[in-house]
All heavy atoms as atom14 arrays in JSON, in Angstrom:
{
  "sequence": "DGRQVTVGPKLRTLALNTLRSSLAQTPSHARLRALSLELGETC",
  "atom14_mask": [
    [1, 1, 1, 1, 1, 1, 1, 1, 0, 0, 0, 0, 0, 0],
    [1, 1, 1, 1, 0, 0, 0, 0, 0, 0, 0, 0, 0, 0],
    [1, 1, 1, 1, 1, 1, 1, 1, 1, 1, 1, 0, 0, 0],
    [1, 1, 1, 1, 1, 1, 1, 1, 1, 0, 0, 0, 0, 0],
    [1, 1, 1, 1, 1, 1, 1, 0, 0, 0, 0, 0, 0, 0],
    [1, 1, 1, 1, 1, 1, 1, 0, 0, 0, 0, 0, 0, 0],
    [1, 1, 1, 1, 1, 1, 1, 0, 0, 0, 0, 0, 0, 0],
    [1, 1, 1, 1, 0, 0, 0, 0, 0, 0, 0, 0, 0, 0],
    [1, 1, 1, 1, 1, 1, 1, 0, 0, 0, 0, 0, 0, 0],
    [1, 1, 1, 1, 1, 1, 1, 1, 1, 0, 0, 0, 0, 0],
    [1, 1, 1, 1, 1, 1, 1, 1, 0, 0, 0, 0, 0, 0],
    [1, 1, 1, 1, 1, 1, 1, 1, 1, 1, 1, 0, 0, 0],
    [1, 1, 1, 1, 1, 1, 1, 0, 0, 0, 0, 0, 0, 0],
    [1, 1, 1, 1, 1, 1, 1, 1, 0, 0, 0, 0, 0, 0],
    [1, 1, 1, 1, 1, 0, 0, 0, 0, 0, 0, 0, 0, 0],
    [1, 1, 1, 1, 1, 1, 1, 1, 0, 0, 0, 0, 0, 0],
    [1, 1, 1, 1, 1, 1, 1, 1, 0, 0, 0, 0, 0, 0],
    [1, 1, 1, 1, 1, 1, 1, 0, 0, 0, 0, 0, 0, 0],
    [1, 1, 1, 1, 1, 1, 1, 1, 0, 0, 0, 0, 0, 0],
    [1, 1, 1, 1, 1, 1, 1, 1, 1, 1, 1, 0, 0, 0],
    [1, 1, 1, 1, 1, 1, 0, 0, 0, 0, 0, 0, 0, 0],
    [1, 1, 1, 1, 1, 1, 0, 0, 0, 0, 0, 0, 0, 0],
    [1, 1, 1, 1, 1, 1, 1, 1, 0, 0, 0, 0, 0, 0],
    [1, 1, 1, 1, 1, 0, 0, 0, 0, 0, 0, 0, 0, 0],
    [1, 1, 1, 1, 1, 1, 1, 1, 1, 0, 0, 0, 0, 0],
    [1, 1, 1, 1, 1, 1, 1, 0, 0, 0, 0, 0, 0, 0],
    [1, 1, 1, 1, 1, 1, 1, 0, 0, 0, 0, 0, 0, 0],
    [1, 1, 1, 1, 1, 1, 0, 0, 0, 0, 0, 0, 0, 0],
    [1, 1, 1, 1, 1, 1, 1, 1, 1, 1, 0, 0, 0, 0],
    [1, 1, 1, 1, 1, 0, 0, 0, 0, 0, 0, 0, 0, 0],
    [1, 1, 1, 1, 1, 1, 1, 1, 1, 1, 1, 0, 0, 0],
    [1, 1, 1, 1, 1, 1, 1, 1, 0, 0, 0, 0, 0, 0],
    [1, 1, 1, 1, 1, 1, 1, 1, 1, 1, 1, 0, 0, 0],
    [1, 1, 1, 1, 1, 0, 0, 0, 0, 0, 0, 0, 0, 0],
    [1, 1, 1, 1, 1, 1, 1, 1, 0, 0, 0, 0, 0, 0],
    [1, 1, 1, 1, 1, 1, 0, 0, 0, 0, 0, 0, 0, 0],
    [1, 1, 1, 1, 1, 1, 1, 1, 0, 0, 0, 0, 0, 0],
    [1, 1, 1, 1, 1, 1, 1, 1, 1, 0, 0, 0, 0, 0],
    [1, 1, 1, 1, 1, 1, 1, 1, 0, 0, 0, 0, 0, 0],
    [1, 1, 1, 1, 0, 0, 0, 0, 0, 0, 0, 0, 0, 0],
    [1, 1, 1, 1, 1, 1, 1, 1, 1, 0, 0, 0, 0, 0],
    [1, 1, 1, 1, 1, 1, 1, 0, 0, 0, 0, 0, 0, 0],
    [1, 1, 1, 1, 1, 1, 0, 0, 0, 0, 0, 0, 0, 0]
  ],
  "atom14_positions": [
    [[-102.8, 161.1, 72.82], [-103.58, 160.69, 74.0], [-103.07, 159.4, 74.63], [-103.38, 159.09, 75.78], [-105.06, 160.57, 73.68], [-105.36, 159.52, 72.6], [-104.5, 158.64, 72.36], [-106.44, 159.57, 72.01], [0.0, 0.0, 0.0], [0.0, 0.0, 0.0], [0.0, 0.0, 0.0], [0.0, 0.0, 0.0], [0.0, 0.0, 0.0], [0.0, 0.0, 0.0]],
    [[-102.27, 158.62, 73.89], [-101.63, 157.43, 74.44], [-102.54, 156.23, 74.64], [-102.09, 155.18, 75.09], [0.0, 0.0, 0.0], [0.0, 0.0, 0.0], [0.0, 0.0, 0.0], [0.0, 0.0, 0.0], [0.0, 0.0, 0.0], [0.0, 0.0, 0.0], [0.0, 0.0, 0.0], [0.0, 0.0, 0.0], [0.0, 0.0, 0.0], [0.0, 0.0, 0.0]],
    [[-103.81, 156.35, 74.26], [-104.74, 155.25, 74.51], [-104.92, 154.33, 73.32], [-105.55, 153.28, 73.43], [-106.11, 155.81, 74.94], [-106.09, 156.47, 76.31], [-107.43, 157.08, 76.65], [-107.74, 158.2, 75.77], [-108.85, 158.93, 75.86], [-109.75, 158.65, 76.78], [-109.06, 159.94, 75.03], [0.0, 0.0, 0.0], [0.0, 0.0, 0.0], [0.0, 0.0, 0.0]],
    [[-104.4, 154.73, 72.17], [-104.54, 153.93, 70.96], [-103.17, 153.66, 70.36], [-102.16, 154.18, 70.81], [-105.46, 154.65, 69.97], [-106.9, 154.79, 70.48], [-107.77, 155.53, 69.5], [-107.43, 156.61, 69.04], [-108.91, 154.95, 69.16], [0.0, 0.0, 0.0], [0.0, 0.0, 0.0], [0.0, 0.0, 0.0], [0.0, 0.0, 0.0], [0.0, 0.0, 0.0]],
    [[-103.17, 152.83, 69.32], [-101.93, 152.41, 68.68], [-102.02, 152.71, 67.19], [-103.07, 152.51, 66.57], [-101.69, 150.9, 68.9], [-100.4, 150.45, 68.22], [-101.65, 150.57, 70.39], [0.0, 0.0, 0.0], [0.0, 0.0, 0.0], [0.0, 0.0, 0.0], [0.0, 0.0, 0.0], [0.0, 0.0, 0.0], [0.0, 0.0, 0.0], [0.0, 0.0, 0.0]],
    [[-100.92, 153.16, 66.62], [-100.89, 153.44, 65.19], [-99.54, 153.01, 64.62], [-98.67, 152.49, 65.34], [-101.16, 154.93, 64.91], [-101.34, 155.12, 63.51], [-100.02, 155.8, 65.41], [0.0, 0.0, 0.0], [0.0, 0.0, 0.0], [0.0, 0.0, 0.0], [0.0, 0.0, 0.0], [0.0, 0.0, 0.0], [0.0, 0.0, 0.0], [0.0, 0.0, 0.0]],
    [[-99.36, 153.23, 63.35], [-98.12, 152.85, 62.66], [-96.96, 153.7, 63.18], [-97.08, 154.92, 63.35], [-98.3, 153.05, 61.14], [-96.97, 152.88, 60.41], [-99.34, 152.07, 60.61], [0.0, 0.0, 0.0], [0.0, 0.0, 0.0], [0.0, 0.0, 0.0], [0.0, 0.0, 0.0], [0.0, 0.0, 0.0], [0.0, 0.0, 0.0], [0.0, 0.0, 0.0]],
    [[-95.82, 153.06, 63.41], [-94.64, 153.76, 63.88], [-93.69, 154.1, 62.74], [-93.88, 153.65, 61.6], [0.0, 0.0, 0.0], [0.0, 0.0, 0.0], [0.0, 0.0, 0.0], [0.0, 0.0, 0.0], [0.0, 0.0, 0.0], [0.0, 0.0, 0.0], [0.0, 0.0, 0.0], [0.0, 0.0, 0.0], [0.0, 0.0, 0.0], [0.0, 0.0, 0.0]],
    [[-92.65, 154.88, 63.03], [-91.75, 155.35, 61.97], [-91.02, 154.23, 61.24], [-90.81, 154.3, 60.03], [-90.76, 156.26, 62.72], [-90.88, 155.89, 64.16], [-92.29, 155.44, 64.35], [0.0, 0.0, 0.0], [0.0, 0.0, 0.0], [0.0, 0.0, 0.0], [0.0, 0.0, 0.0], [0.0, 0.0, 0.0], [0.0, 0.0, 0.0], [0.0, 0.0, 0.0]],
    [[-90.63, 153.16, 61.95], [-89.9, 152.08, 61.27], [-90.81, 151.31, 60.34], [-90.38, 150.84, 59.28], [-89.27, 151.14, 62.29], [-88.06, 151.74, 62.99], [-87.23, 150.71, 63.72], [-86.48, 149.8, 62.78], [-85.54, 148.89, 63.49], [0.0, 0.0, 0.0], [0.0, 0.0, 0.0], [0.0, 0.0, 0.0], [0.0, 0.0, 0.0], [0.0, 0.0, 0.0]],
    [[-92.11, 151.18, 60.7], [-93.04, 150.49, 59.81], [-93.33, 151.34, 58.58], [-93.44, 150.82, 57.46], [-94.33, 150.15, 60.56], [-95.32, 149.25, 59.82], [-94.67, 147.95, 59.38], [-96.54, 148.96, 60.69], [0.0, 0.0, 0.0], [0.0, 0.0, 0.0], [0.0, 0.0, 0.0], [0.0, 0.0, 0.0], [0.0, 0.0, 0.0], [0.0, 0.0, 0.0]],
    [[-93.44, 152.66, 58.75], [-93.64, 153.54, 57.59], [-92.43, 153.47, 56.65], [-92.59, 153.43, 55.43], [-93.87, 154.99, 58.05], [-95.21, 155.24, 58.69], [-95.53, 156.72, 58.75], [-94.55, 157.47, 59.49], [-94.61, 157.71, 60.79], [-95.63, 157.24, 61.49], [-93.69, 158.43, 61.4], [0.0, 0.0, 0.0], [0.0, 0.0, 0.0], [0.0, 0.0, 0.0]],
    [[-91.24, 153.47, 57.22], [-90.03, 153.37, 56.39], [-89.99, 152.05, 55.65], [-89.64, 152.0, 54.47], [-88.77, 153.53, 57.27], [-88.8, 154.81, 57.9], [-87.51, 153.41, 56.43], [0.0, 0.0, 0.0], [0.0, 0.0, 0.0], [0.0, 0.0, 0.0], [0.0, 0.0, 0.0], [0.0, 0.0, 0.0], [0.0, 0.0, 0.0], [0.0, 0.0, 0.0]],
    [[-90.37, 150.98, 56.34], [-90.4, 149.66, 55.71], [-91.38, 149.65, 54.55], [-91.09, 149.13, 53.46], [-90.78, 148.6, 56.74], [-90.95, 147.17, 56.22], [-89.63, 146.63, 55.67], [-91.46, 146.25, 57.34], [0.0, 0.0, 0.0], [0.0, 0.0, 0.0], [0.0, 0.0, 0.0], [0.0, 0.0, 0.0], [0.0, 0.0, 0.0], [0.0, 0.0, 0.0]],
    [[-92.56, 150.24, 54.75], [-93.57, 150.28, 53.68], [-93.07, 151.09, 52.49], [-93.25, 150.7, 51.33], [-94.87, 150.86, 54.22], [0.0, 0.0, 0.0], [0.0, 0.0, 0.0], [0.0, 0.0, 0.0], [0.0, 0.0, 0.0], [0.0, 0.0, 0.0], [0.0, 0.0, 0.0], [0.0, 0.0, 0.0], [0.0, 0.0, 0.0], [0.0, 0.0, 0.0]],
    [[-92.43, 152.23, 52.79], [-91.92, 153.09, 51.71], [-90.83, 152.38, 50.93], [-90.82, 152.38, 49.69], [-91.39, 154.39, 52.31], [-91.02, 155.5, 51.35], [-92.23, 155.94, 50.54], [-90.44, 156.68, 52.11], [0.0, 0.0, 0.0], [0.0, 0.0, 0.0], [0.0, 0.0, 0.0], [0.0, 0.0, 0.0], [0.0, 0.0, 0.0], [0.0, 0.0, 0.0]],
    [[-89.91, 151.73, 51.63], [-88.84, 151.0, 50.95], [-89.38, 149.83, 50.14], [-88.86, 149.5, 49.07], [-87.81, 150.51, 51.96], [-86.99, 151.64, 52.54], [-86.89, 152.7, 51.94], [-86.41, 151.43, 53.71], [0.0, 0.0, 0.0], [0.0, 0.0, 0.0], [0.0, 0.0, 0.0], [0.0, 0.0, 0.0], [0.0, 0.0, 0.0], [0.0, 0.0, 0.0]],
    [[-90.44, 149.19, 50.66], [-91.05, 148.07, 49.93], [-91.67, 148.56, 48.63], [-91.51, 147.92, 47.58], [-92.12, 147.4, 50.81], [-91.5, 146.9, 52.0], [-92.78, 146.24, 50.07], [0.0, 0.0, 0.0], [0.0, 0.0, 0.0], [0.0, 0.0, 0.0], [0.0, 0.0, 0.0], [0.0, 0.0, 0.0], [0.0, 0.0, 0.0], [0.0, 0.0, 0.0]],
    [[-92.36, 149.7, 48.69], [-92.95, 150.25, 47.47], [-91.87, 150.64, 46.46], [-92.01, 150.4, 45.26], [-93.82, 151.46, 47.8], [-95.28, 151.17, 48.16], [-95.98, 152.45, 48.6], [-96.02, 150.55, 46.98], [0.0, 0.0, 0.0], [0.0, 0.0, 0.0], [0.0, 0.0, 0.0], [0.0, 0.0, 0.0], [0.0, 0.0, 0.0], [0.0, 0.0, 0.0]],
    [[-90.82, 151.26, 46.95], [-89.73, 151.63, 46.04], [-89.13, 150.4, 45.38], [-88.84, 150.4, 44.18], [-88.64, 152.37, 46.83], [-88.97, 153.81, 47.15], [-87.88, 154.43, 48.0], [-88.13, 155.84, 48.24], [-87.61, 156.53, 49.23], [-86.78, 155.95, 50.08], [-87.87, 157.81, 49.38], [0.0, 0.0, 0.0], [0.0, 0.0, 0.0], [0.0, 0.0, 0.0]],
    [[-88.94, 149.34, 46.17], [-88.4, 148.11, 45.62], [-89.34, 147.5, 44.59], [-88.92, 147.02, 43.54], [-88.13, 147.11, 46.76], [-87.65, 145.89, 46.25], [0.0, 0.0, 0.0], [0.0, 0.0, 0.0], [0.0, 0.0, 0.0], [0.0, 0.0, 0.0], [0.0, 0.0, 0.0], [0.0, 0.0, 0.0], [0.0, 0.0, 0.0], [0.0, 0.0, 0.0]],
    [[-90.65, 147.55, 44.9], [-91.64, 147.0, 43.97], [-91.62, 147.76, 42.65], [-91.72, 147.17, 41.58], [-93.04, 147.07, 44.6], [-93.12, 146.25, 45.73], [0.0, 0.0, 0.0], [0.0, 0.0, 0.0], [0.0, 0.0, 0.0], [0.0, 0.0, 0.0], [0.0, 0.0, 0.0], [0.0, 0.0, 0.0], [0.0, 0.0, 0.0], [0.0, 0.0, 0.0]],
    [[-91.5, 149.08, 42.74], [-91.47, 149.88, 41.52], [-90.27, 149.56, 40.66], [-90.34, 149.58, 39.43], [-91.46, 151.37, 41.87], [-92.79, 151.93, 42.36], [-92.59, 153.3, 42.99], [-93.79, 152.03, 41.22], [0.0, 0.0, 0.0], [0.0, 0.0, 0.0], [0.0, 0.0, 0.0], [0.0, 0.0, 0.0], [0.0, 0.0, 0.0], [0.0, 0.0, 0.0]],
    [[-89.16, 149.23, 41.3], [-87.94, 148.94, 40.56], [-87.97, 147.55, 39.94], [-87.26, 147.28, 38.97], [-86.73, 149.06, 41.48], [0.0, 0.0, 0.0], [0.0, 0.0, 0.0], [0.0, 0.0, 0.0], [0.0, 0.0, 0.0], [0.0, 0.0, 0.0], [0.0, 0.0, 0.0], [0.0, 0.0, 0.0], [0.0, 0.0, 0.0], [0.0, 0.0, 0.0]],
    [[-88.81, 146.64, 40.49], [-88.75, 145.24, 40.08], [-90.0, 144.76, 39.35], [-90.1, 143.59, 39.01], [-88.52, 144.36, 41.31], [-87.21, 144.65, 42.02], [-87.05, 143.84, 43.28], [-87.53, 142.73, 43.37], [-86.35, 144.41, 44.26], [0.0, 0.0, 0.0], [0.0, 0.0, 0.0], [0.0, 0.0, 0.0], [0.0, 0.0, 0.0], [0.0, 0.0, 0.0]],
    [[-90.97, 145.63, 39.14], [-92.21, 145.22, 38.49], [-92.41, 146.01, 37.2], [-91.67, 146.97, 36.93], [-93.42, 145.44, 39.41], [-93.57, 146.87, 39.6], [-93.23, 144.77, 40.75], [0.0, 0.0, 0.0], [0.0, 0.0, 0.0], [0.0, 0.0, 0.0], [0.0, 0.0, 0.0], [0.0, 0.0, 0.0], [0.0, 0.0, 0.0], [0.0, 0.0, 0.0]],
    [[-93.44, 145.67, 36.41], [-93.69, 146.42, 35.17], [-94.26, 147.81, 35.41], [-94.58, 148.49, 34.44], [-94.72, 145.53, 34.45], [-94.69, 144.21, 35.11], [-94.29, 144.46, 36.52], [0.0, 0.0, 0.0], [0.0, 0.0, 0.0], [0.0, 0.0, 0.0], [0.0, 0.0, 0.0], [0.0, 0.0, 0.0], [0.0, 0.0, 0.0], [0.0, 0.0, 0.0]],
    [[-94.39, 148.26, 36.65], [-95.03, 149.55, 36.91], [-94.25, 150.71, 36.29], [-94.85, 151.67, 35.8], [-95.22, 149.77, 38.41], [-93.97, 149.77, 39.06], [0.0, 0.0, 0.0], [0.0, 0.0, 0.0], [0.0, 0.0, 0.0], [0.0, 0.0, 0.0], [0.0, 0.0, 0.0], [0.0, 0.0, 0.0], [0.0, 0.0, 0.0], [0.0, 0.0, 0.0]],
    [[-92.92, 150.64, 36.32], [-92.15, 151.73, 35.72], [-92.38, 151.76, 34.21], [-92.51, 152.85, 33.61], [-90.66, 151.57, 36.03], [-89.83, 152.69, 35.48], [-89.77, 153.95, 36.07], [-89.05, 152.77, 34.36], [-88.99, 154.74, 35.35], [-88.54, 154.04, 34.32], [0.0, 0.0, 0.0], [0.0, 0.0, 0.0], [0.0, 0.0, 0.0], [0.0, 0.0, 0.0]],
    [[-92.43, 150.59, 33.6], [-92.71, 150.53, 32.16], [-94.1, 151.1, 31.87], [-94.3, 151.8, 30.86], [-92.61, 149.1, 31.65], [0.0, 0.0, 0.0], [0.0, 0.0, 0.0], [0.0, 0.0, 0.0], [0.0, 0.0, 0.0], [0.0, 0.0, 0.0], [0.0, 0.0, 0.0], [0.0, 0.0, 0.0], [0.0, 0.0, 0.0], [0.0, 0.0, 0.0]],
    [[-95.08, 150.81, 32.77], [-96.43, 151.35, 32.58], [-96.42, 152.87, 32.75], [-97.13, 153.58, 32.03], [-97.4, 150.7, 33.59], [-98.85, 151.15, 33.43], [-99.38, 150.7, 32.08], [-100.72, 151.18, 31.8], [-101.01, 152.32, 31.19], [-100.03, 153.14, 30.8], [-102.25, 152.67, 30.94], [0.0, 0.0, 0.0], [0.0, 0.0, 0.0], [0.0, 0.0, 0.0]],
    [[-95.62, 153.38, 33.67], [-95.52, 154.82, 33.86], [-94.9, 155.47, 32.63], [-95.33, 156.54, 32.19], [-94.7, 155.13, 35.11], [-94.65, 156.59, 35.56], [-96.03, 157.05, 36.02], [-93.63, 156.78, 36.67], [0.0, 0.0, 0.0], [0.0, 0.0, 0.0], [0.0, 0.0, 0.0], [0.0, 0.0, 0.0], [0.0, 0.0, 0.0], [0.0, 0.0, 0.0]],
    [[-93.88, 154.81, 32.08], [-93.25, 155.34, 30.88], [-94.24, 155.34, 29.7], [-94.31, 156.31, 28.93], [-92.01, 154.52, 30.53], [-91.22, 155.05, 29.34], [-89.91, 154.3, 29.17], [-89.02, 154.53, 30.31], [-88.28, 155.62, 30.47], [-88.32, 156.59, 29.55], [-87.5, 155.75, 31.51], [0.0, 0.0, 0.0], [0.0, 0.0, 0.0], [0.0, 0.0, 0.0]],
    [[-95.03, 154.27, 29.59], [-96.03, 154.19, 28.52], [-97.08, 155.3, 28.69], [-97.53, 155.89, 27.7], [-96.69, 152.82, 28.52], [0.0, 0.0, 0.0], [0.0, 0.0, 0.0], [0.0, 0.0, 0.0], [0.0, 0.0, 0.0], [0.0, 0.0, 0.0], [0.0, 0.0, 0.0], [0.0, 0.0, 0.0], [0.0, 0.0, 0.0], [0.0, 0.0, 0.0]],
    [[-97.46, 155.56, 29.93], [-98.44, 156.63, 30.19], [-97.86, 157.98, 29.79], [-98.55, 158.8, 29.17], [-98.82, 156.63, 31.67], [-99.75, 157.75, 32.12], [-101.12, 157.62, 31.47], [-99.87, 157.76, 33.65], [0.0, 0.0, 0.0], [0.0, 0.0, 0.0], [0.0, 0.0, 0.0], [0.0, 0.0, 0.0], [0.0, 0.0, 0.0], [0.0, 0.0, 0.0]],
    [[-96.6, 158.22, 30.12], [-95.97, 159.47, 29.76], [-95.92, 159.66, 28.25], [-96.18, 160.75, 27.73], [-94.54, 159.51, 30.35], [-93.86, 160.68, 29.97], [0.0, 0.0, 0.0], [0.0, 0.0, 0.0], [0.0, 0.0, 0.0], [0.0, 0.0, 0.0], [0.0, 0.0, 0.0], [0.0, 0.0, 0.0], [0.0, 0.0, 0.0], [0.0, 0.0, 0.0]],
    [[-95.62, 158.57, 27.54], [-95.6, 158.65, 26.08], [-97.0, 158.89, 25.52], [-97.18, 159.66, 24.57], [-95.02, 157.36, 25.5], [-93.52, 157.15, 25.7], [-93.12, 155.75, 25.25], [-92.73, 158.2, 24.92], [0.0, 0.0, 0.0], [0.0, 0.0, 0.0], [0.0, 0.0, 0.0], [0.0, 0.0, 0.0], [0.0, 0.0, 0.0], [0.0, 0.0, 0.0]],
    [[-98.01, 158.22, 26.13], [-99.39, 158.39, 25.63], [-99.89, 159.81, 25.83], [-100.54, 160.38, 24.95], [-100.31, 157.4, 26.36], [-101.75, 157.45, 25.88], [-102.63, 156.41, 26.56], [-102.11, 155.67, 27.44], [-103.83, 156.34, 26.24], [0.0, 0.0, 0.0], [0.0, 0.0, 0.0], [0.0, 0.0, 0.0], [0.0, 0.0, 0.0], [0.0, 0.0, 0.0]],
    [[-99.58, 160.38, 27.01], [-100.06, 161.74, 27.31], [-99.13, 162.81, 26.76], [-99.52, 163.97, 26.63], [-100.21, 161.91, 28.82], [-101.24, 161.02, 29.52], [-101.25, 161.31, 31.01], [-102.63, 161.23, 28.93], [0.0, 0.0, 0.0], [0.0, 0.0, 0.0], [0.0, 0.0, 0.0], [0.0, 0.0, 0.0], [0.0, 0.0, 0.0], [0.0, 0.0, 0.0]],
    [[-97.88, 162.41, 26.49], [-96.91, 163.39, 26.01], [-96.44, 164.34, 27.09], [-95.96, 165.45, 26.78], [0.0, 0.0, 0.0], [0.0, 0.0, 0.0], [0.0, 0.0, 0.0], [0.0, 0.0, 0.0], [0.0, 0.0, 0.0], [0.0, 0.0, 0.0], [0.0, 0.0, 0.0], [0.0, 0.0, 0.0], [0.0, 0.0, 0.0], [0.0, 0.0, 0.0]],
    [[-96.57, 163.91, 28.37], [-96.19, 164.77, 29.48], [-95.49, 163.96, 30.57], [-95.51, 162.73, 30.56], [-97.43, 165.48, 30.09], [-98.24, 166.31, 29.11], [-97.48, 167.52, 28.55], [-96.36, 167.8, 29.02], [-98.02, 168.18, 27.64], [0.0, 0.0, 0.0], [0.0, 0.0, 0.0], [0.0, 0.0, 0.0], [0.0, 0.0, 0.0], [0.0, 0.0, 0.0]],
    [[-94.9, 164.67, 31.53], [-94.21, 164.04, 32.66], [-95.22, 163.42, 33.61], [-96.26, 164.02, 33.91], [-93.36, 165.09, 33.4], [-92.32, 165.53, 32.52], [-92.75, 164.52, 34.66], [0.0, 0.0, 0.0], [0.0, 0.0, 0.0], [0.0, 0.0, 0.0], [0.0, 0.0, 0.0], [0.0, 0.0, 0.0], [0.0, 0.0, 0.0], [0.0, 0.0, 0.0]],
    [[-94.93, 162.21, 34.1], [-95.83, 161.5, 35.01], [-95.07, 161.05, 36.26], [-93.89, 160.7, 36.19], [-96.45, 160.29, 34.32], [-97.54, 160.74, 32.94], [0.0, 0.0, 0.0], [0.0, 0.0, 0.0], [0.0, 0.0, 0.0], [0.0, 0.0, 0.0], [0.0, 0.0, 0.0], [0.0, 0.0, 0.0], [0.0, 0.0, 0.0], [0.0, 0.0, 0.0]]
  ]
}
């Protein structure tokens, strides 16, 4: 409709790349691995 504003493709890409970078640099991957070991399944 052109009357409102929302997130554009470059901002979505930036957010996605930021999350990927965060996953690579924080303990989240280790937590995911621990969860996989605890459940005995792929996460």
